[in-house]
Protein backbone atom coordinates (compact mmCIF):
# COMPACT_ATOMS: atom_id res chain seq x y z
CA MET A 1 -3.42 -91.01 62.74
CA ARG A 2 -0.32 -90.29 64.82
CA LYS A 3 3.18 -90.55 63.33
CA PRO A 4 4.24 -93.68 65.31
CA GLN A 5 1.22 -95.54 63.99
CA ILE A 6 1.97 -94.49 60.41
CA LEU A 7 5.51 -95.78 60.84
CA LEU A 8 4.23 -99.06 62.29
CA TRP A 9 1.92 -99.61 59.33
CA LEU A 10 4.72 -98.83 56.89
CA LEU A 11 7.04 -101.30 58.61
CA SER A 12 4.27 -103.91 58.65
CA ALA A 13 3.62 -103.39 54.94
CA LEU A 14 7.34 -103.80 54.24
CA SER A 15 7.36 -107.13 56.08
CA VAL A 16 4.36 -108.31 54.05
CA LEU A 17 6.14 -107.42 50.83
CA LEU A 18 9.40 -109.11 51.80
CA LEU A 19 7.62 -112.25 53.05
CA SER A 20 5.38 -112.58 50.00
CA LEU A 21 7.75 -111.99 47.10
CA PRO A 22 9.71 -115.27 47.50
CA TRP A 23 6.48 -117.20 46.85
CA LEU A 24 5.46 -114.98 43.93
CA VAL A 25 8.63 -113.99 42.05
CA PRO A 26 11.43 -116.39 41.04
CA HIS A 27 14.92 -115.97 42.55
CA THR A 28 13.78 -113.67 45.38
CA GLY A 29 14.21 -116.16 48.24
CA ALA A 30 16.95 -114.01 49.81
CA LEU A 31 14.32 -111.44 50.78
CA ALA A 32 13.08 -113.86 53.45
CA LEU A 33 16.41 -113.39 55.23
CA VAL A 34 15.37 -109.83 56.18
CA ALA A 35 11.58 -110.10 56.01
CA PHE A 36 10.93 -110.22 59.77
CA VAL A 37 13.26 -107.33 60.61
CA PRO A 38 10.65 -104.59 59.92
CA LEU A 39 8.05 -106.48 61.99
CA LEU A 40 10.48 -106.90 64.88
CA CYS A 41 11.25 -103.19 64.70
CA ALA A 42 7.55 -102.34 64.62
CA ASP A 43 6.98 -104.55 67.66
CA ALA A 44 9.74 -102.78 69.62
CA ILE A 45 8.45 -99.31 68.65
CA ALA A 46 4.90 -100.23 69.65
CA ASP A 47 6.22 -101.29 73.07
CA GLN A 48 8.22 -98.09 73.52
CA CYS A 49 5.19 -95.97 72.61
CA LYS A 50 2.98 -98.13 74.87
CA LEU A 51 0.33 -98.34 72.17
CA ARG A 52 -2.84 -100.29 72.79
CA ALA A 53 -3.82 -103.28 70.62
CA ARG A 54 -0.21 -103.87 69.61
CA TRP A 55 -1.18 -107.31 68.35
CA ILE A 56 -3.00 -105.76 65.39
CA TYR A 57 0.24 -105.12 63.47
CA PRO A 58 1.57 -108.71 63.43
CA ALA A 59 -1.99 -109.91 62.86
CA ALA A 60 -2.28 -107.71 59.78
CA VAL A 61 1.12 -108.90 58.52
CA PHE A 62 0.26 -112.58 58.82
CA VAL A 63 -3.19 -112.26 57.26
CA ALA A 64 -1.85 -110.15 54.38
CA TRP A 65 1.09 -112.52 53.80
CA ASN A 66 -1.19 -115.55 53.66
CA ALA A 67 -3.71 -113.76 51.45
CA ALA A 68 -1.09 -112.43 49.02
CA THR A 69 0.51 -115.83 48.49
CA THR A 70 -2.35 -118.34 48.79
CA PHE A 71 -5.43 -116.38 47.66
CA TRP A 72 -5.72 -118.77 44.73
CA VAL A 73 -7.19 -121.48 46.98
CA CYS A 74 -10.42 -119.48 46.79
CA ASN A 75 -10.64 -120.31 43.08
CA ALA A 76 -11.36 -123.92 44.05
CA THR A 77 -13.30 -123.27 47.25
CA VAL A 78 -14.04 -119.79 48.59
CA GLY A 79 -14.85 -120.97 52.09
CA GLY A 80 -11.83 -123.26 52.21
CA GLY A 81 -9.54 -120.52 50.93
CA ILE A 82 -10.72 -117.98 53.51
CA PHE A 83 -10.44 -120.58 56.25
CA ALA A 84 -6.88 -121.51 55.19
CA ILE A 85 -5.79 -117.86 55.18
CA VAL A 86 -7.37 -116.96 58.52
CA ALA A 87 -6.51 -120.20 60.35
CA ASN A 88 -2.88 -120.17 59.22
CA ALA A 89 -2.47 -116.50 60.12
CA ALA A 90 -4.06 -117.12 63.52
CA GLN A 91 -1.48 -119.80 64.33
CA MET A 92 1.36 -117.50 63.31
CA LEU A 93 -0.12 -114.76 65.48
CA LEU A 94 -0.33 -117.13 68.45
CA VAL A 95 3.38 -117.88 68.07
CA TRP A 96 4.11 -114.15 67.98
CA LEU A 97 1.97 -113.40 71.04
CA LEU A 98 3.75 -116.11 73.02
CA PHE A 99 7.04 -114.50 71.98
CA ARG A 100 5.77 -111.16 73.31
CA LEU A 101 4.85 -112.85 76.58
CA ALA A 102 8.33 -114.35 76.75
CA ARG A 103 9.90 -110.92 76.29
CA ARG A 104 8.27 -109.79 79.53
CA ARG A 105 9.55 -112.78 81.51
CA MET A 106 12.94 -113.58 79.94
CA ARG A 107 16.07 -111.53 79.58
CA GLY A 108 18.62 -110.96 76.83
CA VAL A 109 18.43 -113.10 73.72
CA LEU A 110 16.32 -115.86 75.27
CA PRO A 111 12.95 -114.51 74.00
CA TYR A 112 14.32 -114.41 70.46
CA ILE A 113 15.71 -117.94 70.69
CA PHE A 114 12.27 -118.90 72.00
CA LEU A 115 10.61 -117.25 68.98
CA ALA A 116 12.79 -119.01 66.39
CA ALA A 117 12.59 -122.41 68.10
CA MET A 118 8.83 -122.10 68.64
CA TRP A 119 8.15 -121.11 65.03
CA ILE A 120 10.17 -124.03 63.64
CA ALA A 121 8.66 -126.44 66.17
CA TRP A 122 5.21 -125.30 64.99
CA GLU A 123 6.21 -125.84 61.35
CA ARG A 124 7.42 -129.36 62.14
CA HIS A 125 4.25 -130.21 64.08
CA TYR A 126 2.12 -128.76 61.27
CA PHE A 127 3.37 -131.48 58.93
CA SER A 128 1.74 -134.21 61.01
CA VAL A 129 -1.61 -132.84 62.23
CA GLN A 130 -4.89 -133.68 60.49
CA VAL A 131 -5.70 -130.09 59.50
CA SER A 132 -2.36 -129.41 57.84
CA TRP A 133 -1.49 -126.49 55.55
CA PRO A 134 2.31 -126.07 55.62
CA TRP A 135 2.42 -124.18 52.33
CA LEU A 136 4.21 -121.18 53.85
CA THR A 137 6.93 -123.06 55.71
CA LEU A 138 9.75 -120.50 55.74
CA GLY A 139 12.26 -122.87 54.16
CA GLY A 140 9.97 -123.03 51.14
CA ALA A 141 10.88 -119.42 50.35
CA PHE A 142 13.90 -120.81 48.48
CA ALA A 143 11.91 -123.22 46.30
CA ARG A 144 12.74 -121.10 43.24
CA SER A 145 16.23 -120.23 44.49
CA THR A 146 17.45 -123.82 44.69
CA ARG A 147 21.10 -123.07 43.92
CA SER A 148 21.26 -121.41 47.36
CA VAL A 149 19.95 -124.40 49.34
CA GLN A 150 21.70 -127.48 48.02
CA TRP A 151 22.48 -128.29 51.67
CA TYR A 152 18.81 -129.26 52.13
CA GLU A 153 20.06 -132.79 51.46
CA TYR A 154 21.40 -132.60 55.05
CA THR A 155 18.82 -130.48 56.86
CA GLY A 156 15.62 -130.63 54.82
CA MET A 157 13.39 -127.63 54.32
CA LEU A 158 13.34 -126.65 58.01
CA GLY A 159 17.05 -125.97 57.71
CA GLY A 160 15.96 -123.08 55.51
CA SER A 161 13.52 -121.94 58.19
CA LEU A 162 16.39 -121.88 60.70
CA TRP A 163 18.50 -119.88 58.25
CA VAL A 164 15.69 -117.34 57.88
CA TRP A 165 15.40 -116.85 61.63
CA LEU A 166 19.15 -116.70 62.30
CA SER A 167 19.57 -114.06 59.62
CA ASN A 168 16.58 -111.94 60.68
CA LEU A 169 17.43 -112.06 64.36
CA GLY A 170 21.11 -111.38 63.73
CA ILE A 171 20.36 -108.30 61.62
CA TYR A 172 17.76 -107.07 64.09
CA GLY A 173 20.17 -107.56 66.98
CA LEU A 174 22.79 -105.50 65.15
CA LEU A 175 20.25 -102.71 64.53
CA VAL A 176 19.28 -102.70 68.21
CA ALA A 177 22.94 -102.53 69.21
CA VAL A 178 23.47 -99.50 66.97
CA SER A 179 20.26 -97.70 68.06
CA ASP A 180 20.91 -98.32 71.76
CA GLY A 181 24.49 -97.09 71.56
CA LEU A 182 26.05 -100.47 72.33
CA TRP A 183 27.88 -100.56 69.00
CA GLN A 184 29.72 -97.36 69.84
CA ARG A 185 30.85 -98.77 73.20
CA TRP A 186 32.19 -102.00 71.71
CA ASN A 187 35.87 -102.24 70.87
CA ALA A 188 37.10 -102.94 67.36
CA TRP A 189 37.38 -106.68 68.02
CA ALA A 190 33.78 -106.94 69.20
CA ARG A 191 32.52 -104.96 66.21
CA SER A 192 34.44 -107.07 63.72
CA CYS A 193 33.20 -110.27 65.37
CA ALA A 194 29.57 -109.08 65.22
CA ALA A 195 29.84 -107.99 61.60
CA THR A 196 31.67 -111.18 60.60
CA GLY A 197 29.07 -113.29 62.37
CA ILE A 198 26.22 -111.67 60.44
CA ILE A 199 28.07 -112.08 57.14
CA LEU A 200 28.73 -115.76 57.88
CA VAL A 201 25.09 -116.40 58.82
CA ILE A 202 23.83 -114.84 55.60
CA ALA A 203 26.54 -115.78 53.11
CA GLY A 204 27.86 -119.01 54.63
CA PRO A 205 24.95 -121.22 53.51
CA VAL A 206 25.06 -119.69 50.03
CA VAL A 207 28.77 -120.40 49.65
CA ALA A 208 28.30 -123.95 50.97
CA SER A 209 25.46 -124.47 48.52
CA LYS A 210 27.51 -123.23 45.58
CA LEU A 211 30.32 -125.64 46.51
CA ILE A 212 27.89 -128.55 46.76
CA TRP A 213 26.30 -127.52 43.46
CA SER A 214 29.56 -127.30 41.53
CA GLY A 215 30.88 -130.58 42.95
CA TYR A 216 27.73 -132.63 42.66
CA GLU A 217 27.69 -135.49 40.18
CA GLU A 218 24.40 -137.04 39.10
CA ARG A 219 24.00 -140.49 40.66
CA SER A 220 23.00 -143.01 38.04
CA GLU A 221 22.58 -146.76 38.44
CA GLY A 222 20.62 -146.96 35.24
CA THR A 223 17.84 -145.01 33.60
CA VAL A 224 14.14 -145.28 32.86
CA ASP A 225 12.67 -143.90 29.65
CA VAL A 226 9.61 -141.85 30.65
CA VAL A 227 6.89 -140.22 28.57
CA VAL A 228 4.88 -137.65 30.54
CA LEU A 229 1.37 -137.12 29.19
CA GLN A 230 -0.44 -133.83 29.74
CA PRO A 231 -4.05 -134.25 28.50
CA ASP A 232 -5.08 -130.72 29.54
CA PHE A 233 -8.67 -131.21 30.68
CA ASP A 234 -10.54 -128.35 32.30
CA PRO A 235 -11.26 -129.96 35.71
CA TYR A 236 -14.81 -128.64 35.89
CA GLU A 237 -15.54 -129.94 32.39
CA LYS A 238 -13.66 -133.17 33.10
CA PHE A 239 -15.84 -134.14 36.05
CA GLN A 240 -19.12 -132.77 34.71
CA SER A 241 -19.52 -132.94 30.94
CA LEU A 242 -16.56 -134.70 29.29
CA SER A 243 -17.11 -138.44 29.13
CA GLN A 244 -14.44 -140.78 30.44
CA ALA A 245 -14.36 -142.57 27.08
CA LYS A 246 -13.49 -139.28 25.35
CA GLN A 247 -10.79 -138.51 27.92
CA THR A 248 -9.30 -141.99 27.48
CA ALA A 249 -9.28 -141.61 23.70
CA ILE A 250 -7.38 -138.32 23.98
CA LEU A 251 -4.81 -139.90 26.32
CA VAL A 252 -4.36 -142.87 23.99
CA ASP A 253 -3.79 -140.54 21.04
CA LEU A 254 -1.19 -138.64 23.09
CA PHE A 255 0.88 -141.66 23.99
CA ASN A 256 0.56 -143.26 20.54
CA GLU A 257 1.89 -140.06 19.04
CA ALA A 258 4.71 -139.83 21.58
CA LEU A 259 5.72 -143.48 21.20
CA ALA A 260 5.72 -143.21 17.42
CA LYS A 261 8.50 -140.61 17.70
CA ARG A 262 10.80 -142.91 19.68
CA THR A 263 13.80 -143.98 17.66
CA ALA A 264 14.82 -146.90 19.90
CA PRO A 265 12.26 -149.46 21.11
CA GLY A 266 12.42 -150.74 24.65
CA PRO A 267 10.83 -150.34 28.10
CA VAL A 268 9.04 -147.04 28.59
CA LEU A 269 6.96 -145.65 31.43
CA LEU A 270 3.91 -143.60 30.46
CA LEU A 271 2.95 -141.12 33.17
CA ALA A 272 -0.63 -139.79 33.34
CA PRO A 273 -2.05 -137.25 35.84
CA GLU A 274 -3.88 -137.51 39.14
CA THR A 275 -7.56 -138.62 39.10
CA PHE A 276 -7.44 -139.35 35.37
CA THR A 277 -10.27 -141.85 35.65
CA GLY A 278 -13.10 -142.50 38.11
CA ASP A 279 -14.41 -145.88 36.94
CA VAL A 280 -12.11 -148.19 38.92
CA MET A 281 -13.95 -150.29 41.49
CA LEU A 282 -11.21 -152.02 43.42
CA ASN A 283 -13.34 -155.09 44.11
CA ARG A 284 -13.33 -155.72 40.36
CA ALA A 285 -10.62 -153.41 39.04
CA GLU A 286 -10.07 -155.36 35.82
CA ASP A 287 -13.68 -154.64 34.81
CA SER A 288 -12.89 -150.92 34.51
CA PRO A 289 -13.54 -149.81 30.89
CA THR A 290 -10.69 -147.30 31.15
CA LEU A 291 -8.15 -149.84 32.38
CA LYS A 292 -9.24 -152.35 29.74
CA THR A 293 -8.73 -149.79 26.98
CA LEU A 294 -5.40 -148.58 28.30
CA ARG A 295 -4.10 -152.09 28.90
CA HIS A 296 -4.99 -153.05 25.33
CA HIS A 297 -3.26 -150.06 23.77
CA ILE A 298 -0.07 -150.28 25.82
CA SER A 299 0.15 -153.97 24.94
CA LEU A 300 0.61 -152.86 21.32
CA HIS A 301 3.91 -151.23 22.38
CA PRO A 302 6.25 -153.90 23.81
CA GLY A 303 7.83 -152.75 27.07
CA ALA A 304 5.31 -149.97 27.70
CA GLU A 305 3.67 -149.59 31.11
CA MET A 306 1.55 -146.79 32.54
CA LEU A 307 1.38 -145.04 35.90
CA LEU A 308 -1.83 -143.06 36.23
CA GLY A 309 -4.02 -141.44 38.85
CA ALA A 310 -7.55 -142.64 39.56
CA SER A 311 -10.45 -141.88 41.85
CA THR A 312 -11.07 -145.44 43.04
CA TYR A 313 -13.69 -146.94 45.31
CA GLU A 314 -14.56 -150.13 47.11
CA LEU A 315 -18.06 -151.50 47.56
CA PHE A 316 -19.14 -153.35 50.69
CA ASP A 317 -22.31 -155.41 50.91
CA THR A 318 -22.72 -155.13 54.67
CA ARG A 319 -25.35 -153.76 57.01
CA SER A 320 -22.96 -151.69 59.06
CA ALA A 321 -20.37 -149.32 57.65
CA PRO A 322 -16.94 -150.97 57.15
CA ASP A 323 -15.28 -147.65 57.96
CA ILE A 324 -16.49 -144.38 59.43
CA LEU A 325 -15.54 -142.67 56.15
CA ALA A 326 -17.72 -144.98 54.03
CA ARG A 327 -20.87 -143.52 52.47
CA PRO A 328 -24.16 -145.37 51.87
CA TYR A 329 -24.37 -146.74 48.33
CA LEU A 330 -27.36 -148.73 47.03
CA ASP A 331 -27.87 -151.47 49.65
CA GLY A 332 -24.32 -151.28 50.96
CA TRP A 333 -21.41 -148.91 51.39
CA ALA A 334 -18.74 -147.25 49.24
CA LEU A 335 -15.28 -146.24 50.40
CA SER A 336 -13.33 -143.89 48.12
CA HIS A 337 -9.60 -143.34 47.54
CA ASN A 338 -7.33 -141.07 45.53
CA SER A 339 -5.00 -143.63 44.00
CA ALA A 340 -1.98 -144.13 41.80
CA LEU A 341 -2.10 -147.25 39.61
CA MET A 342 0.71 -149.07 37.81
CA LEU A 343 -0.71 -150.76 34.74
CA ALA A 344 1.29 -153.40 32.84
CA PRO A 345 -0.02 -155.72 30.11
CA GLU A 346 0.92 -158.98 31.80
CA ARG A 347 1.15 -158.14 35.51
CA PRO A 348 -1.46 -157.60 38.23
CA LEU A 349 -2.46 -154.02 38.91
CA GLU A 350 -0.37 -152.24 41.56
CA ILE A 351 -2.14 -149.65 43.71
CA TYR A 352 -1.02 -146.86 46.03
CA HIS A 353 -3.61 -144.78 47.91
CA LYS A 354 -2.74 -141.15 48.60
CA SER A 355 -2.07 -140.65 52.32
CA LYS A 356 -1.64 -136.87 52.70
CA LEU A 357 -5.16 -135.76 51.80
CA VAL A 358 -6.42 -132.22 51.26
CA VAL A 359 -8.63 -131.14 54.16
CA GLY A 360 -12.24 -130.53 53.15
CA THR A 361 -12.18 -131.64 49.54
CA GLU A 362 -10.67 -135.08 50.28
CA LEU A 363 -10.31 -135.44 54.03
CA THR A 364 -12.82 -135.17 56.83
CA PRO A 365 -10.66 -134.43 59.89
CA TRP A 366 -11.49 -135.92 63.30
CA PRO A 367 -14.03 -138.23 61.64
CA LYS A 368 -15.74 -139.41 64.82
CA LEU A 369 -16.82 -135.83 65.45
CA MET A 370 -17.02 -134.37 61.95
CA VAL A 371 -18.68 -137.21 60.00
CA PRO A 372 -21.94 -137.10 62.02
CA LEU A 373 -21.90 -133.30 61.80
CA ASP A 374 -21.31 -133.44 58.04
CA ASP A 375 -24.16 -135.95 57.65
CA TRP A 376 -26.52 -133.72 59.62
CA LEU A 377 -25.57 -130.56 57.70
CA SER A 378 -25.77 -132.37 54.36
CA LYS A 379 -29.24 -133.63 55.18
CA LYS A 380 -30.40 -130.17 56.24
CA MET A 381 -29.03 -128.59 53.05
CA GLY A 382 -30.17 -131.39 50.76
CA VAL A 383 -26.72 -132.30 49.41
CA SER A 384 -24.93 -135.64 49.21
CA GLY A 385 -21.94 -134.58 51.30
CA MET A 386 -20.15 -131.35 52.10
CA MET A 387 -16.71 -132.80 52.89
CA GLY A 388 -14.59 -135.36 51.09
CA ARG A 389 -14.16 -138.76 52.71
CA CYS A 390 -11.24 -140.32 50.93
CA LYS A 391 -9.46 -143.05 52.79
CA GLY A 392 -5.67 -142.96 52.64
CA GLN A 393 -3.31 -145.79 53.38
CA ASP A 394 -1.32 -145.73 56.61
CA GLY A 395 2.09 -145.23 55.03
CA VAL A 396 3.93 -145.15 51.75
CA SER A 397 4.28 -148.06 49.36
CA LEU A 398 6.12 -148.29 46.07
CA LEU A 399 5.10 -149.05 42.52
CA HIS A 400 7.34 -151.15 40.28
CA PHE A 401 8.27 -150.74 36.64
CA GLY A 402 9.47 -153.22 34.04
CA GLN A 403 10.64 -156.78 34.17
CA GLU A 404 13.38 -155.73 36.58
CA ARG A 405 10.71 -154.44 38.98
CA ILE A 406 12.39 -151.04 39.41
CA PRO A 407 10.95 -149.43 42.59
CA LEU A 408 9.43 -145.98 42.10
CA GLY A 409 7.85 -143.56 44.53
CA CYS A 410 4.70 -141.74 43.50
CA ALA A 411 3.70 -138.64 45.45
CA VAL A 412 0.11 -137.79 44.62
CA CYS A 413 -0.41 -134.01 44.38
CA TYR A 414 -0.36 -132.50 47.89
CA GLU A 415 2.00 -135.19 49.20
CA SER A 416 4.91 -133.53 47.39
CA VAL A 417 4.73 -130.62 49.89
CA TYR A 418 5.83 -132.88 52.77
CA GLY A 419 9.59 -133.32 52.78
CA GLU A 420 10.05 -135.80 55.62
CA TYR A 421 7.06 -137.81 54.43
CA CYS A 422 8.67 -138.15 50.99
CA THR A 423 11.83 -139.57 52.58
CA GLU A 424 9.77 -142.66 53.37
CA TYR A 425 9.63 -143.51 49.65
CA VAL A 426 13.42 -143.55 49.49
CA LYS A 427 13.74 -145.49 52.74
CA ALA A 428 11.38 -148.07 51.21
CA GLY A 429 13.74 -148.36 48.23
CA ALA A 430 12.50 -145.88 45.62
CA GLN A 431 15.22 -145.28 43.04
CA ALA A 432 13.37 -142.39 41.37
CA MET A 433 10.31 -140.30 42.11
CA THR A 434 7.18 -139.42 40.21
CA ILE A 435 4.59 -136.79 41.04
CA ILE A 436 1.09 -136.82 39.57
CA THR A 437 -1.20 -133.87 40.14
CA ASN A 438 -4.14 -131.82 38.90
CA ASP A 439 -3.52 -128.15 39.69
CA ALA A 440 -6.06 -126.68 37.29
CA TRP A 441 -8.65 -126.07 40.00
CA TRP A 442 -6.77 -122.90 40.96
CA GLY A 443 -6.66 -121.39 37.47
CA ASN A 444 -3.73 -119.42 36.09
CA THR A 445 -2.51 -118.20 39.48
CA PRO A 446 0.73 -118.58 41.48
CA GLY A 447 -0.60 -121.82 43.03
CA TYR A 448 0.55 -124.28 40.37
CA LYS A 449 3.93 -122.52 40.10
CA GLN A 450 4.49 -122.79 43.85
CA HIS A 451 3.49 -126.44 43.81
CA LEU A 452 5.99 -127.17 41.05
CA ALA A 453 8.71 -125.28 42.92
CA PHE A 454 8.25 -127.42 46.05
CA ALA A 455 8.99 -130.50 43.92
CA ARG A 456 12.43 -129.03 43.23
CA LEU A 457 13.14 -129.01 46.98
CA ARG A 458 12.09 -132.67 47.22
CA ALA A 459 14.61 -133.51 44.47
CA ILE A 460 17.41 -131.91 46.53
CA GLU A 461 16.35 -133.44 49.86
CA LEU A 462 16.09 -136.93 48.36
CA ARG A 463 18.67 -136.56 45.56
CA ARG A 464 16.28 -138.31 43.23
CA ASP A 465 15.26 -137.52 39.68
CA ILE A 466 11.58 -136.59 39.46
CA ALA A 467 9.15 -137.00 36.58
CA ARG A 468 6.19 -134.71 37.26
CA CYS A 469 2.86 -134.97 35.44
CA GLY A 470 0.14 -132.35 35.76
CA ASN A 471 -3.21 -132.53 34.01
CA THR A 472 -2.89 -128.97 32.71
CA GLY A 473 0.76 -128.40 33.61
CA ILE A 474 3.31 -127.77 34.49
CA SER A 475 4.69 -131.22 33.66
CA CYS A 476 8.47 -131.58 33.75
CA PHE A 477 11.62 -133.52 34.50
CA ILE A 478 13.66 -132.42 37.54
CA ASP A 479 17.22 -133.60 38.15
CA GLN A 480 18.87 -134.45 41.47
CA ARG A 481 20.04 -130.85 41.96
CA GLY A 482 16.48 -129.53 41.72
CA GLU A 483 16.92 -128.13 38.20
CA VAL A 484 13.98 -128.30 35.80
CA LEU A 485 15.41 -129.89 32.67
CA GLU A 486 12.40 -129.69 30.40
CA GLU A 487 8.83 -128.57 30.98
CA THR A 488 5.50 -128.10 29.25
CA GLN A 489 3.55 -124.89 29.01
CA TRP A 490 0.58 -124.18 31.25
CA TRP A 491 -2.84 -125.22 29.94
CA THR A 492 -1.58 -126.96 26.82
CA ARG A 493 -1.98 -130.53 25.56
CA GLY A 494 1.17 -132.46 24.82
CA SER A 495 3.85 -134.80 26.08
CA LEU A 496 7.48 -134.85 27.21
CA THR A 497 10.03 -137.62 26.74
CA GLY A 498 13.09 -137.96 28.90
CA LEU A 499 15.39 -140.20 30.89
CA VAL A 500 15.07 -140.53 34.66
CA HIS A 501 18.26 -141.59 36.43
CA LEU A 502 18.06 -144.25 39.12
CA SER A 503 19.87 -144.11 42.45
CA SER A 504 19.85 -146.15 45.64
CA GLU A 505 21.99 -143.75 47.72
CA GLN A 506 20.38 -142.06 50.70
CA THR A 507 21.00 -138.47 51.77
CA ALA A 508 21.61 -137.50 55.38
CA PHE A 509 18.10 -136.06 55.49
CA VAL A 510 16.65 -139.39 54.37
CA ARG A 511 18.73 -141.38 56.86
CA HIS A 512 18.30 -139.14 59.90
CA GLY A 513 15.10 -137.22 59.18
CA ASP A 514 14.30 -133.70 60.31
CA ILE A 515 17.03 -133.11 62.89
CA VAL A 516 16.55 -129.32 62.76
CA GLY A 517 12.86 -129.65 63.57
CA ARG A 518 13.47 -132.09 66.40
CA VAL A 519 16.21 -129.98 68.01
CA CYS A 520 14.13 -126.80 67.74
CA THR A 521 11.16 -128.61 69.26
CA LEU A 522 13.33 -129.67 72.21
CA VAL A 523 14.65 -126.13 72.70
CA PHE A 524 11.13 -124.74 72.50
CA LEU A 525 9.82 -127.20 75.11
CA ILE A 526 12.66 -126.36 77.51
CA LEU A 527 12.13 -122.61 77.15
CA ALA A 528 8.34 -123.01 77.30
CA ALA A 529 8.72 -124.86 80.60
CA PHE A 530 10.95 -122.07 81.86
CA LEU A 531 8.38 -119.49 80.76
CA PHE A 532 5.54 -121.44 82.39
CA VAL A 533 7.40 -121.61 85.69
CA SER A 534 8.31 -117.91 85.53
CA LEU A 535 4.64 -116.99 85.19
CA TRP A 536 4.02 -118.45 88.64
CA LEU A 537 6.93 -116.62 90.21
CA PRO A 538 6.67 -113.01 91.35
CA LYS A 539 8.23 -110.61 88.89
CA LYS A 540 11.33 -108.90 90.27
CA LYS A 541 11.09 -105.15 90.68
CA ASN A 542 13.79 -103.06 89.06
């Protein structure tokens, strides 16, 4: 192998390392601010050497980055994990190839502005498409470096993505200026301005964040006493061999033990994990053995109510399917949901159906095309269904606690990854947030740690306290600055008791939404139109 190619592979490997560590090691988010510099250098060297198949280096970087940080998806579904890695990397590569095309048709800094705007526009769009996997949104690199991004309450997570690109492109531009001899030709004023600009881009957001952090006072318009229950069921055992009655008995023992330790009686919210039970038929929800048992036991503790996750379903006694996602069941149809239920002794059941569903295991994308294909493949392979067909509700709704009907948002598992989506809970009036999840499918891998870290960003963006309940952990309380106040250990059975502060104030991000994403999308569309037109014009000869 020739020396330029060795150098290109070394630079590519360095980019992979710098991109991956923020998702794997706490407090390393700053590495993302320089992570693309080696790849940009490799791209420029490959052009200068006029190497063939130059796309292979960014392709290798994006595949390796996705694999190093999200390999754990394969623990739940090998095919789904490989698809997520390859499909996500392919989209990143497409963005990079369009940037390379722009470099041949645009001059100066325009191709690099195009790259940053296009990448962020893609990240924003990725939040709303049916096949959505925004796990590696660049702003998420700071999920475990939250003291550096307190300004997310203004910009949301894509503000972090913009910071990453401004820093990387600024440093790369300075390196190019030095290597091309421009730095030597600049006067002292120009040099100081360039150096100061880079310092401000990198350090400015950190300083602003520290000031916000030190001056922030917890908003509190009251509190809710919350007991988080972590039953710690192996998910494969839970859905295959452990009876629901046994699971319910364990949960009841957990909250009886936790409530017995309370020194002051009064209203208390019991929080149980996602998909705790699967015996709730919404047509006759009160007939559910699990809900009957839980309702009886919480009635023995005045003021106690429970928010729990459930795999619910509706039965339809009709000849034709009530929905394309419904499956045949006996002489009718069944439609399934992943739901959050608020259970109170003397009030009707409140229900919220998860909207942001996991592709494959819960969601069949483009159902008019994929449902018939799934039916045909399932019939050929002799299985009941290869893809999940949960039905989500169209938008958020709130659950209410206590006699005062305190409005709470409940993000079910994957929904907590979507920042702008979660603002809808606050816009609807949520005074605090809960998250219920079951991350045990991935095993003891970085997956559940990353998922928890994203919840910290939601706390900053919304400035809401969060009570998080995971079946096997990590369950915790998160304050409005994104700090984890108390947490359980992974794969242990137990409970946490804490106070969740209530607030009705709205952050700029809640009020105005993802301004960074919208502006970058506009810039991208303008530059893309310019690029499209330039492709039809003859290229000027030097």
